[in-house]
C-alpha cells in the first residue's frame, strides 16, 4: 500500500510518500480500507515531537472507510461495513489495522468525507460540554479556537442544548462563518481583550463553562474569564507555547479544571463512549449537526495538509484522500 511516512521528527517536510507493507488484522482488529483521513491537531504534534520508534512511521488517529477483513474473535462488525475509526497511529495510509472496539459504524450512504470528521471532533466536544462540563440550558459557554474541528462541533452542540455561545478565532472572516453554526458572540483574539469582552457580554459574571484546546497563556485567560464556580474542559496544547499555565486563580473562584482525553474514555468506559458516538452519528446523518470540511488534499500531499493547518488557515476539518 501507499502511505505518508517519516523517518525522523520535524516539520511537514519530513513526510515521504512511499510503498510500505500492507497491515494485517490481528486478533480483535479489523482491516480498514481508508477512504478519507481527518487530520487532527495531535497528528501534527506527534510528527513534531513523539519519538519515532519504528521507521518508517505512519502517523494519524482517525479515518473513515470500509472494513475489508476481520481478525480472530471479532464480532459486532462485518466485512463491507462502513465505519469511522480511531487508532493510536496509522491513518495516513491506504489501509490500517484498528481495534474493532474503536470502529464505529456509519450509514452506508454517508459520505466518508463526512464520517472522517465525526469521531474525535464531536465526541470530544460532547464530553467537554456534558460529561465533564455539566452544561445546562441557559448557561454561557466560551469556546476557545472555535473555528477548529472540536470548536465547531462544540458551538453546534452547545447551541442545540440551549446555551449562549461565545467563540474566539483569529480572524473576522472565520468568526463571520461561525455565526451560521450557532455562535452568538464573536471575539477576534488578535484584536480584542478576550477576558474583558467575555465579562462585558456576561454583565461582569464570566462564562459558566470554557472549552480550551489551546493551553498555555490562553488557559490562564480562560480561568480569568470564568464565572464563580465555573468549569473548564481543557483538551490540549494547540498553542504549542511550551509554557506551563498558572492555575492557582481557580481556587479563588471555587472553580474546576477538567482534563478531557477521549482516548482514555474509550479505554475506561467504552460502552458509554459507543452510545455517545452512535447518537452523534445519527444526529449528523439526520442533518441536526454538520461536519465542516475546509480542504481536501491527496494523501501524497500530506506535508501540504499539515502545513495548511499549522499556518492556522483551516476552518473546520482538513482531510487527506488516499
C-alpha atoms as a PDB file:
ATOM      1  CA  UNK A   1       0.000   0.000   0.000  1.00  0.00           C
ATOM      2  CA  UNK A   2       0.943   3.656  -0.268  1.00  0.00           C
ATOM      3  CA  UNK A   3       1.374   5.749   2.865  1.00  0.00           C
ATOM      4  CA  UNK A   4       2.666   9.126   4.025  1.00  0.00           C
ATOM      5  CA  UNK A   5       5.598   8.184   6.265  1.00  0.00           C
ATOM      6  CA  UNK A   6       8.522   9.792   8.017  1.00  0.00           C
ATOM      7  CA  UNK A   7      11.812   8.617   9.491  1.00  0.00           C
ATOM      8  CA  UNK A   8      12.515  11.416  11.943  1.00  0.00           C
ATOM      9  CA  UNK A   9      10.634  14.188  13.742  1.00  0.00           C
ATOM     10  CA  UNK A  10      10.392  17.612  12.205  1.00  0.00           C
ATOM     11  CA  UNK A  11       8.271  19.908  10.109  1.00  0.00           C
ATOM     12  CA  UNK A  12       5.899  18.822   7.341  1.00  0.00           C
ATOM     13  CA  UNK A  13       8.871  18.399   5.018  1.00  0.00           C
ATOM     14  CA  UNK A  14       9.816  15.105   6.752  1.00  0.00           C
ATOM     15  CA  UNK A  15       6.939  13.306   5.008  1.00  0.00           C
ATOM     16  CA  UNK A  16       7.683  10.805   2.235  1.00  0.00           C
ATOM     17  CA  UNK A  17       5.038   9.132   0.090  1.00  0.00           C
ATOM     18  CA  UNK A  18       6.164   5.527  -0.159  1.00  0.00           C
ATOM     19  CA  UNK A  19       5.137   1.935  -0.710  1.00  0.00           C
ATOM     20  CA  UNK A  20       5.029   0.026   2.595  1.00  0.00           C
ATOM     21  CA  UNK A  21       3.813  -3.483   3.544  1.00  0.00           C
ATOM     22  CA  UNK A  22       0.070  -3.954   3.929  1.00  0.00           C
ATOM     23  CA  UNK A  23      -1.034  -4.266   7.572  1.00  0.00           C
ATOM     24  CA  UNK A  24      -2.755  -7.452   8.746  1.00  0.00           C
ATOM     25  CA  UNK A  25      -5.706  -7.560  11.119  1.00  0.00           C
ATOM     26  CA  UNK A  26      -4.609  -9.329  14.302  1.00  0.00           C
ATOM     27  CA  UNK A  27      -6.933 -10.835  16.910  1.00  0.00           C
ATOM     28  CA  UNK A  28      -9.512  -8.250  17.939  1.00  0.00           C
ATOM     29  CA  UNK A  29      -8.747  -5.991  14.976  1.00  0.00           C
ATOM     30  CA  UNK A  30     -10.321  -5.102  11.651  1.00  0.00           C
ATOM     31  CA  UNK A  31      -8.563  -4.143   8.432  1.00  0.00           C
ATOM     32  CA  UNK A  32      -9.858  -0.826   7.134  1.00  0.00           C
ATOM     33  CA  UNK A  33      -9.591   0.335   3.532  1.00  0.00           C
ATOM     34  CA  UNK A  34      -9.288   4.048   4.114  1.00  0.00           C
ATOM     35  CA  UNK A  35     -11.364   6.459   2.048  1.00  0.00           C
ATOM     36  CA  UNK A  36     -10.883   9.707   3.989  1.00  0.00           C
ATOM     37  CA  UNK A  37      -8.494  10.791   6.762  1.00  0.00           C
ATOM     38  CA  UNK A  38      -9.425  13.517   9.249  1.00  0.00           C
ATOM     39  CA  UNK A  39      -6.135  15.215  10.122  1.00  0.00           C
ATOM     40  CA  UNK A  40      -6.011  16.010  13.842  1.00  0.00           C
ATOM     41  CA  UNK A  41      -4.001  18.559  15.768  1.00  0.00           C
ATOM     42  CA  UNK A  42      -2.489  15.644  17.647  1.00  0.00           C
ATOM     43  CA  UNK A  43      -1.168  14.260  14.359  1.00  0.00           C
ATOM     44  CA  UNK A  44       0.909  17.413  13.949  1.00  0.00           C
ATOM     45  CA  UNK A  45       2.260  17.267  17.492  1.00  0.00           C
ATOM     46  CA  UNK A  46       3.059  13.570  17.095  1.00  0.00           C
ATOM     47  CA  UNK A  47       5.012  14.256  13.898  1.00  0.00           C
ATOM     48  CA  UNK A  48       6.929  17.064  15.570  1.00  0.00           C
ATOM     49  CA  UNK A  49       7.694  15.591  18.979  1.00  0.00           C
ATOM     50  CA  UNK A  50       6.835  11.931  19.573  1.00  0.00           C
ATOM     51  CA  UNK A  51       9.878   9.630  19.391  1.00  0.00           C
ATOM     52  CA  UNK A  52       9.962   7.564  16.185  1.00  0.00           C
ATOM     53  CA  UNK A  53      10.337   4.021  17.492  1.00  0.00           C
ATOM     54  CA  UNK A  54       9.657   2.174  14.248  1.00  0.00           C
ATOM     55  CA  UNK A  55      10.591   3.757  10.923  1.00  0.00           C
ATOM     56  CA  UNK A  56       9.081   4.365   8.521  1.00  0.00           C
ATOM     57  CA  UNK A  57       6.363   5.683  10.811  1.00  0.00           C
ATOM     58  CA  UNK A  58       2.755   6.275   9.752  1.00  0.00           C
ATOM     59  CA  UNK A  59       1.110   8.934  11.859  1.00  0.00           C
ATOM     60  CA  UNK A  60      -2.605   9.591  12.323  1.00  0.00           C
ATOM     61  CA  UNK A  61      -5.513   8.990  14.705  1.00  0.00           C
ATOM     62  CA  UNK A  62      -8.714   8.985  12.661  1.00  0.00           C
ATOM     63  CA  UNK A  63     -10.000   7.702   9.328  1.00  0.00           C
ATOM     64  CA  UNK A  64     -13.193   6.528   7.664  1.00  0.00           C
ATOM     65  CA  UNK A  65     -13.573   3.704   5.191  1.00  0.00           C
ATOM     66  CA  UNK A  66     -14.745   0.141   4.655  1.00  0.00           C
ATOM     67  CA  UNK A  67     -13.855  -2.978   6.634  1.00  0.00           C
ATOM     68  CA  UNK A  68     -12.201  -5.498   4.292  1.00  0.00           C
ATOM     69  CA  UNK A  69     -11.076  -8.187   6.768  1.00  0.00           C
ATOM     70  CA  UNK A  70     -11.712  -9.318  10.342  1.00  0.00           C
ATOM     71  CA  UNK A  71      -9.147 -10.590  12.817  1.00  0.00           C
ATOM     72  CA  UNK A  72      -9.815 -13.558  15.073  1.00  0.00           C
ATOM     73  CA  UNK A  73     -12.507 -13.106  17.675  1.00  0.00           C
ATOM     74  CA  UNK A  74     -14.067 -10.002  16.150  1.00  0.00           C
ATOM     75  CA  UNK A  75     -17.842  -9.713  16.498  1.00  0.00           C
ATOM     76  CA  UNK A  76     -20.328  -6.892  16.092  1.00  0.00           C
ATOM     77  CA  UNK A  77     -18.967  -5.666  12.747  1.00  0.00           C
ATOM     78  CA  UNK A  78     -18.744  -7.272   9.309  1.00  0.00           C
ATOM     79  CA  UNK A  79     -16.738  -7.120   6.121  1.00  0.00           C
ATOM     80  CA  UNK A  80     -18.071  -4.451   3.809  1.00  0.00           C
ATOM     81  CA  UNK A  81     -19.287  -2.261   6.669  1.00  0.00           C
ATOM     82  CA  UNK A  82     -18.618   1.476   6.549  1.00  0.00           C
ATOM     83  CA  UNK A  83     -17.013   2.841   9.717  1.00  0.00           C
ATOM     84  CA  UNK A  84     -15.082   5.718  11.236  1.00  0.00           C
ATOM     85  CA  UNK A  85     -12.213   4.501  13.389  1.00  0.00           C
ATOM     86  CA  UNK A  86      -9.764   5.750  15.985  1.00  0.00           C
ATOM     87  CA  UNK A  87      -6.205   4.386  16.140  1.00  0.00           C
ATOM     88  CA  UNK A  88      -3.022   5.192  18.030  1.00  0.00           C
ATOM     89  CA  UNK A  89      -1.247   5.704  14.685  1.00  0.00           C
ATOM     90  CA  UNK A  90      -1.560   4.661  11.057  1.00  0.00           C
ATOM     91  CA  UNK A  91      -4.329   6.747   9.491  1.00  0.00           C
ATOM     92  CA  UNK A  92      -2.122   8.403   6.837  1.00  0.00           C
ATOM     93  CA  UNK A  93      -2.274   5.359   4.562  1.00  0.00           C
ATOM     94  CA  UNK A  94      -4.448   3.361   2.180  1.00  0.00           C
ATOM     95  CA  UNK A  95      -5.044   0.602   4.754  1.00  0.00           C
ATOM     96  CA  UNK A  96      -4.985   0.407   8.553  1.00  0.00           C
ATOM     97  CA  UNK A  97      -5.438  -2.356  11.119  1.00  0.00           C
ATOM     98  CA  UNK A  98      -7.506  -0.972  14.013  1.00  0.00           C
ATOM     99  CA  UNK A  99      -9.030  -2.385  17.169  1.00  0.00           C
ATOM    100  CA  UNK A 100     -12.598  -3.439  16.450  1.00  0.00           C
ATOM    101  CA  UNK A 101     -13.794  -1.745  19.640  1.00  0.00           C
ATOM    102  CA  UNK A 102     -12.600   1.596  18.206  1.00  0.00           C
ATOM    103  CA  UNK A 103     -14.510   1.238  14.915  1.00  0.00           C
ATOM    104  CA  UNK A 104     -17.957   2.860  14.814  1.00  0.00           C
ATOM    105  CA  UNK A 105     -20.488   2.011  12.121  1.00  0.00           C
ATOM    106  CA  UNK A 106     -21.836   4.805   9.921  1.00  0.00           C
ATOM    107  CA  UNK A 107     -24.740   4.647   7.461  1.00  0.00           C
ATOM    108  CA  UNK A 108     -23.843   3.011   4.157  1.00  0.00           C
ATOM    109  CA  UNK A 109     -24.856   6.163   2.285  1.00  0.00           C
ATOM    110  CA  UNK A 110     -22.812   8.564   4.443  1.00  0.00           C
ATOM    111  CA  UNK A 111     -20.015  10.310   2.549  1.00  0.00           C
ATOM    112  CA  UNK A 112     -16.696   9.100   4.006  1.00  0.00           C
ATOM    113  CA  UNK A 113     -15.552  12.727   3.963  1.00  0.00           C
ATOM    114  CA  UNK A 114     -18.280  13.459   6.489  1.00  0.00           C
ATOM    115  CA  UNK A 115     -17.624  10.318   8.526  1.00  0.00           C
ATOM    116  CA  UNK A 116     -13.926  11.176   8.811  1.00  0.00           C
ATOM    117  CA  UNK A 117     -14.792  14.355  10.737  1.00  0.00           C
ATOM    118  CA  UNK A 118     -17.125  12.907  13.373  1.00  0.00           C
ATOM    119  CA  UNK A 119     -15.396  10.811  15.971  1.00  0.00           C
ATOM    120  CA  UNK A 120     -12.693  12.847  17.701  1.00  0.00           C
ATOM    121  CA  UNK A 121     -14.298  16.196  16.940  1.00  0.00           C
ATOM    122  CA  UNK A 122     -17.876  15.655  18.069  1.00  0.00           C
ATOM    123  CA  UNK A 123     -17.253  13.071  20.796  1.00  0.00           C
ATOM    124  CA  UNK A 124     -14.560  15.253  22.389  1.00  0.00           C
ATOM    125  CA  UNK A 125     -16.826  18.295  22.238  1.00  0.00           C
ATOM    126  CA  UNK A 126     -19.750  16.317  23.677  1.00  0.00           C
ATOM    127  CA  UNK A 127     -17.644  15.076  26.600  1.00  0.00           C
ATOM    128  CA  UNK A 128     -16.289  18.570  27.255  1.00  0.00           C
ATOM    129  CA  UNK A 129     -19.759  20.064  27.343  1.00  0.00           C
ATOM    130  CA  UNK A 130     -21.834  17.424  29.062  1.00  0.00           C
ATOM    131  CA  UNK A 131     -19.933  14.554  30.706  1.00  0.00           C
ATOM    132  CA  UNK A 132     -17.283  16.792  32.287  1.00  0.00           C
ATOM    133  CA  UNK A 133     -18.658  20.298  31.714  1.00  0.00           C
ATOM    134  CA  UNK A 134     -22.150  19.544  33.099  1.00  0.00           C
ATOM    135  CA  UNK A 135     -23.664  22.134  30.769  1.00  0.00           C
ATOM    136  CA  UNK A 136     -27.237  23.205  31.440  1.00  0.00           C
ATOM    137  CA  UNK A 137     -29.636  25.176  29.245  1.00  0.00           C
ATOM    138  CA  UNK A 138     -29.350  28.909  29.821  1.00  0.00           C
ATOM    139  CA  UNK A 139     -25.647  28.865  30.711  1.00  0.00           C
ATOM    140  CA  UNK A 140     -22.900  30.679  28.823  1.00  0.00           C
ATOM    141  CA  UNK A 141     -20.125  28.741  27.110  1.00  0.00           C
ATOM    142  CA  UNK A 142     -16.834  30.187  25.888  1.00  0.00           C
ATOM    143  CA  UNK A 143     -15.258  28.113  23.105  1.00  0.00           C
ATOM    144  CA  UNK A 144     -11.602  28.962  22.546  1.00  0.00           C
ATOM    145  CA  UNK A 145     -10.370  28.309  18.989  1.00  0.00           C
ATOM    146  CA  UNK A 146     -13.949  27.915  17.860  1.00  0.00           C
ATOM    147  CA  UNK A 147     -13.048  27.544  14.166  1.00  0.00           C
ATOM    148  CA  UNK A 148     -11.212  24.249  14.707  1.00  0.00           C
ATOM    149  CA  UNK A 149     -12.753  20.809  14.364  1.00  0.00           C
ATOM    150  CA  UNK A 150     -13.621  20.384  18.048  1.00  0.00           C
ATOM    151  CA  UNK A 151     -14.542  24.051  18.359  1.00  0.00           C
ATOM    152  CA  UNK A 152     -17.069  23.938  15.524  1.00  0.00           C
ATOM    153  CA  UNK A 153     -18.607  20.788  16.972  1.00  0.00           C
ATOM    154  CA  UNK A 154     -18.818  22.409  20.413  1.00  0.00           C
ATOM    155  CA  UNK A 155     -20.517  25.538  19.062  1.00  0.00           C
ATOM    156  CA  UNK A 156     -23.230  23.433  17.434  1.00  0.00           C
ATOM    157  CA  UNK A 157     -23.756  21.107  20.388  1.00  0.00           C
ATOM    158  CA  UNK A 158     -23.847  23.914  22.951  1.00  0.00           C
ATOM    159  CA  UNK A 159     -26.317  25.961  20.922  1.00  0.00           C
ATOM    160  CA  UNK A 160     -28.580  22.940  20.424  1.00  0.00           C
ATOM    161  CA  UNK A 161     -28.524  22.407  24.201  1.00  0.00           C
ATOM    162  CA  UNK A 162     -29.840  25.924  24.855  1.00  0.00           C
ATOM    163  CA  UNK A 163     -26.612  27.673  25.837  1.00  0.00           C
ATOM    164  CA  UNK A 164     -25.376  31.118  24.888  1.00  0.00           C
ATOM    165  CA  UNK A 165     -22.192  30.551  22.898  1.00  0.00           C
ATOM    166  CA  UNK A 166     -19.178  32.865  22.786  1.00  0.00           C
ATOM    167  CA  UNK A 167     -16.334  31.884  20.493  1.00  0.00           C
ATOM    168  CA  UNK A 168     -12.813  33.070  19.727  1.00  0.00           C
ATOM    169  CA  UNK A 169     -10.948  32.853  16.434  1.00  0.00           C
ATOM    170  CA  UNK A 170      -8.055  34.562  14.684  1.00  0.00           C
ATOM    171  CA  UNK A 171      -9.981  36.465  12.001  1.00  0.00           C
ATOM    172  CA  UNK A 172     -13.257  38.258  11.437  1.00  0.00           C
ATOM    173  CA  UNK A 173     -13.804  36.088   8.360  1.00  0.00           C
ATOM    174  CA  UNK A 174     -13.770  32.900  10.439  1.00  0.00           C
ATOM    175  CA  UNK A 175     -15.963  34.449  13.110  1.00  0.00           C
ATOM    176  CA  UNK A 176     -18.483  35.524  10.485  1.00  0.00           C
ATOM    177  CA  UNK A 177     -18.705  31.964   9.190  1.00  0.00           C
ATOM    178  CA  UNK A 178     -19.169  30.629  12.720  1.00  0.00           C
ATOM    179  CA  UNK A 179     -22.413  32.562  13.093  1.00  0.00           C
ATOM    180  CA  UNK A 180     -24.206  30.159  10.757  1.00  0.00           C
ATOM    181  CA  UNK A 181     -23.357  27.277  13.106  1.00  0.00           C
ATOM    182  CA  UNK A 182     -24.862  28.874  16.205  1.00  0.00           C
ATOM    183  CA  UNK A 183     -22.254  31.313  17.550  1.00  0.00           C
ATOM    184  CA  UNK A 184     -23.952  34.124  19.477  1.00  0.00           C
ATOM    185  CA  UNK A 185     -20.947  36.349  20.211  1.00  0.00           C
ATOM    186  CA  UNK A 186     -17.631  36.530  18.339  1.00  0.00           C
ATOM    187  CA  UNK A 187     -14.237  37.597  19.693  1.00  0.00           C
ATOM    188  CA  UNK A 188     -11.196  38.121  17.480  1.00  0.00           C
ATOM    189  CA  UNK A 189      -8.406  37.209  19.886  1.00  0.00           C
ATOM    190  CA  UNK A 190      -5.822  39.028  17.761  1.00  0.00           C
ATOM    191  CA  UNK A 191      -7.608  42.370  18.110  1.00  0.00           C
ATOM    192  CA  UNK A 192      -9.641  42.163  21.317  1.00  0.00           C
ATOM    193  CA  UNK A 193      -9.084  41.510  25.003  1.00  0.00           C
ATOM    194  CA  UNK A 194     -10.863  38.179  25.331  1.00  0.00           C
ATOM    195  CA  UNK A 195     -11.360  38.337  29.102  1.00  0.00           C
ATOM    196  CA  UNK A 196     -12.690  41.892  29.063  1.00  0.00           C
ATOM    197  CA  UNK A 197     -15.059  41.100  26.210  1.00  0.00           C
ATOM    198  CA  UNK A 198     -16.411  37.965  27.920  1.00  0.00           C
ATOM    199  CA  UNK A 199     -17.048  39.936  31.091  1.00  0.00           C
ATOM    200  CA  UNK A 200     -18.787  42.650  29.087  1.00  0.00           C
ATOM    201  CA  UNK A 201     -21.012  40.106  27.336  1.00  0.00           C
ATOM    202  CA  UNK A 202     -21.931  38.400  30.628  1.00  0.00           C
ATOM    203  CA  UNK A 203     -22.582  41.527  32.699  1.00  0.00           C
ATOM    204  CA  UNK A 204     -19.319  41.032  34.599  1.00  0.00           C
ATOM    205  CA  UNK A 205     -20.142  37.474  35.660  1.00  0.00           C
ATOM    206  CA  UNK A 206     -17.954  35.448  33.304  1.00  0.00           C
ATOM    207  CA  UNK A 207     -18.598  32.228  31.406  1.00  0.00           C
ATOM    208  CA  UNK A 208     -20.107  29.217  33.179  1.00  0.00           C
ATOM    209  CA  UNK A 209     -18.081  26.783  31.070  1.00  0.00           C
ATOM    210  CA  UNK A 210     -14.966  27.173  28.912  1.00  0.00           C
ATOM    211  CA  UNK A 211     -13.625  24.720  26.324  1.00  0.00           C
ATOM    212  CA  UNK A 212      -9.902  25.257  25.860  1.00  0.00           C
ATOM    213  CA  UNK A 213      -7.855  23.259  23.317  1.00  0.00           C
ATOM    214  CA  UNK A 214      -5.028  25.807  23.301  1.00  0.00           C
ATOM    215  CA  UNK A 215      -3.479  25.698  26.775  1.00  0.00           C
ATOM    216  CA  UNK A 216      -0.578  27.908  27.856  1.00  0.00           C
ATOM    217  CA  UNK A 217      -1.387  31.559  28.387  1.00  0.00           C
ATOM    218  CA  UNK A 218      -4.743  31.088  26.689  1.00  0.00           C
ATOM    219  CA  UNK A 219      -5.714  28.733  29.531  1.00  0.00           C
ATOM    220  CA  UNK A 220      -4.784  31.432  32.034  1.00  0.00           C
ATOM    221  CA  UNK A 221      -7.163  33.742  30.179  1.00  0.00           C
ATOM    222  CA  UNK A 222      -9.848  31.062  30.268  1.00  0.00           C
ATOM    223  CA  UNK A 223      -9.525  30.907  34.055  1.00  0.00           C
ATOM    224  CA  UNK A 224      -9.751  34.690  34.289  1.00  0.00           C
ATOM    225  CA  UNK A 225     -12.857  34.718  32.072  1.00  0.00           C
ATOM    226  CA  UNK A 226     -14.588  32.074  34.174  1.00  0.00           C
ATOM    227  CA  UNK A 227     -17.571  32.750  36.433  1.00  0.00           C
ATOM    228  CA  UNK A 228     -17.556  31.880  40.120  1.00  0.00           C
ATOM    229  CA  UNK A 229     -17.829  28.072  40.448  1.00  0.00           C
ATOM    230  CA  UNK A 230     -17.382  27.791  36.693  1.00  0.00           C
ATOM    231  CA  UNK A 231     -15.872  24.817  34.865  1.00  0.00           C
ATOM    232  CA  UNK A 232     -13.127  24.456  32.282  1.00  0.00           C
ATOM    233  CA  UNK A 233     -12.694  21.498  29.950  1.00  0.00           C
ATOM    234  CA  UNK A 234      -9.045  21.504  28.872  1.00  0.00           C
ATOM    235  CA  UNK A 235      -8.363  19.363  25.835  1.00  0.00           C
ATOM    236  CA  UNK A 236      -4.935  20.156  24.504  1.00  0.00           C
ATOM    237  CA  UNK A 237      -1.970  22.406  23.906  1.00  0.00           C
ATOM    238  CA  UNK A 238      -2.575  23.506  20.341  1.00  0.00           C
ATOM    239  CA  UNK A 239      -0.797  26.776  21.090  1.00  0.00           C
ATOM    240  CA  UNK A 240       2.496  24.848  21.299  1.00  0.00           C
ATOM    241  CA  UNK A 241       3.971  27.507  23.621  1.00  0.00           C
ATOM    242  CA  UNK A 242       5.890  25.211  25.922  1.00  0.00           C
ATOM    243  CA  UNK A 243       4.558  27.343  28.789  1.00  0.00           C
ATOM    244  CA  UNK A 244       3.050  25.893  31.971  1.00  0.00           C
ATOM    245  CA  UNK A 245      -0.043  27.931  32.893  1.00  0.00           C
ATOM    246  CA  UNK A 246      -0.655  29.099  36.441  1.00  0.00           C
ATOM    247  CA  UNK A 247      -3.901  27.606  37.745  1.00  0.00           C
ATOM    248  CA  UNK A 248      -3.927  28.930  41.331  1.00  0.00           C
ATOM    249  CA  UNK A 249      -6.635  31.559  40.490  1.00  0.00           C
ATOM    250  CA  UNK A 250      -9.122  28.683  40.166  1.00  0.00           C
ATOM    251  CA  UNK A 251      -9.180  28.432  43.953  1.00  0.00           C
ATOM    252  CA  UNK A 252     -10.421  31.972  44.393  1.00  0.00           C
ATOM    253  CA  UNK A 253     -13.411  31.132  42.223  1.00  0.00           C
ATOM    254  CA  UNK A 254     -14.067  27.664  43.657  1.00  0.00           C
ATOM    255  CA  UNK A 255     -13.825  26.674  40.009  1.00  0.00           C
ATOM    256  CA  UNK A 256     -12.869  23.356  38.428  1.00  0.00           C
ATOM    257  CA  UNK A 257     -10.457  22.357  35.668  1.00  0.00           C
ATOM    258  CA  UNK A 258     -11.006  19.008  33.959  1.00  0.00           C
ATOM    259  CA  UNK A 259      -8.553  17.467  31.554  1.00  0.00           C
ATOM    260  CA  UNK A 260     -10.559  15.670  28.874  1.00  0.00           C
ATOM    261  CA  UNK A 261      -8.977  12.925  26.743  1.00  0.00           C
ATOM    262  CA  UNK A 262     -11.321  10.921  24.552  1.00  0.00           C
ATOM    263  CA  UNK A 263      -8.868   8.051  24.007  1.00  0.00           C
ATOM    264  CA  UNK A 264      -8.755   7.431  27.766  1.00  0.00           C
ATOM    265  CA  UNK A 265     -12.542   7.390  27.923  1.00  0.00           C
ATOM    266  CA  UNK A 266     -12.633   4.870  25.065  1.00  0.00           C
ATOM    267  CA  UNK A 267     -10.403   2.606  27.119  1.00  0.00           C
ATOM    268  CA  UNK A 268     -12.008   3.039  30.533  1.00  0.00           C
ATOM    269  CA  UNK A 269     -15.690   3.427  29.624  1.00  0.00           C
ATOM    270  CA  UNK A 270     -16.130   2.033  26.087  1.00  0.00           C
ATOM    271  CA  UNK A 271     -19.866   1.330  26.433  1.00  0.00           C
ATOM    272  CA  UNK A 272     -20.649   4.933  27.344  1.00  0.00           C
ATOM    273  CA  UNK A 273     -18.478   6.288  24.537  1.00  0.00           C
ATOM    274  CA  UNK A 274     -20.064   3.968  21.981  1.00  0.00           C
ATOM    275  CA  UNK A 275     -23.568   5.089  22.936  1.00  0.00           C
ATOM    276  CA  UNK A 276     -22.487   8.728  22.692  1.00  0.00           C
ATOM    277  CA  UNK A 277     -20.771   8.288  19.306  1.00  0.00           C
ATOM    278  CA  UNK A 278     -23.673   6.315  17.844  1.00  0.00           C
ATOM    279  CA  UNK A 279     -26.022   9.116  18.898  1.00  0.00           C
ATOM    280  CA  UNK A 280     -23.793  11.769  17.336  1.00  0.00           C
ATOM    281  CA  UNK A 281     -23.526   9.807  14.081  1.00  0.00           C
ATOM    282  CA  UNK A 282     -27.329   9.581  13.946  1.00  0.00           C
ATOM    283  CA  UNK A 283     -27.723  13.312  14.562  1.00  0.00           C
ATOM    284  CA  UNK A 284     -25.241  14.131  11.805  1.00  0.00           C
ATOM    285  CA  UNK A 285     -26.955  11.701   9.417  1.00  0.00           C
ATOM    286  CA  UNK A 286     -30.269  13.419  10.209  1.00  0.00           C
ATOM    287  CA  UNK A 287     -28.842  16.868   9.442  1.00  0.00           C
ATOM    288  CA  UNK A 288     -29.049  18.163  13.020  1.00  0.00           C
ATOM    289  CA  UNK A 289     -25.286  18.683  13.185  1.00  0.00           C
ATOM    290  CA  UNK A 290     -22.774  19.476  10.441  1.00  0.00           C
ATOM    291  CA  UNK A 291     -19.255  18.233   9.792  1.00  0.00           C
ATOM    292  CA  UNK A 292     -17.423  21.211   8.308  1.00  0.00           C
ATOM    293  CA  UNK A 293     -14.650  20.330   5.850  1.00  0.00           C
ATOM    294  CA  UNK A 294     -12.355  23.148   4.807  1.00  0.00           C
ATOM    295  CA  UNK A 295      -9.993  21.487   2.315  1.00  0.00           C
ATOM    296  CA  UNK A 296      -9.037  18.111   0.933  1.00  0.00           C
ATOM    297  CA  UNK A 297      -5.523  17.068  -0.068  1.00  0.00           C
ATOM    298  CA  UNK A 298      -4.363  13.875  -1.789  1.00  0.00           C
ATOM    299  CA  UNK A 299      -2.552  11.564   0.616  1.00  0.00           C
ATOM    300  CA  UNK A 300       0.607  12.149  -1.415  1.00  0.00           C
ATOM    301  CA  UNK A 301       0.403  15.809  -0.309  1.00  0.00           C
ATOM    302  CA  UNK A 302       0.267  15.131   3.434  1.00  0.00           C
ATOM    303  CA  UNK A 303       3.015  17.695   4.002  1.00  0.00           C
ATOM    304  CA  UNK A 304       0.898  20.418   2.417  1.00  0.00           C
ATOM    305  CA  UNK A 305      -2.126  19.443   4.539  1.00  0.00           C
ATOM    306  CA  UNK A 306      -0.116  19.600   7.763  1.00  0.00           C
ATOM    307  CA  UNK A 307       1.443  22.891   6.723  1.00  0.00           C
ATOM    308  CA  UNK A 308      -2.002  24.364   5.960  1.00  0.00           C
ATOM    309  CA  UNK A 309      -3.189  23.500   9.476  1.00  0.00           C
ATOM    310  CA  UNK A 310      -0.009  24.735  11.162  1.00  0.00           C
ATOM    311  CA  UNK A 311      -0.434  28.085   9.417  1.00  0.00           C
ATOM    312  CA  UNK A 312      -3.846  28.399  11.155  1.00  0.00           C
ATOM    313  CA  UNK A 313      -5.619  28.737   7.839  1.00  0.00           C
ATOM    314  CA  UNK A 314      -8.193  25.977   8.364  1.00  0.00           C
ATOM    315  CA  UNK A 315     -11.849  26.448   9.203  1.00  0.00           C
ATOM    316  CA  UNK A 316     -13.089  23.085  10.400  1.00  0.00           C
ATOM    317  CA  UNK A 317     -11.517  19.814   9.348  1.00  0.00           C
ATOM    318  CA  UNK A 318      -8.774  19.198   6.780  1.00  0.00           C
ATOM    319  CA  UNK A 319      -8.900  15.824   5.012  1.00  0.00           C
ATOM    320  CA  UNK A 320      -6.443  13.579   3.221  1.00  0.00           C
ATOM    321  CA  UNK A 321      -7.829  11.361   0.472  1.00  0.00           C
ATOM    322  CA  UNK A 322      -5.886   8.175  -0.481  1.00  0.00           C
END
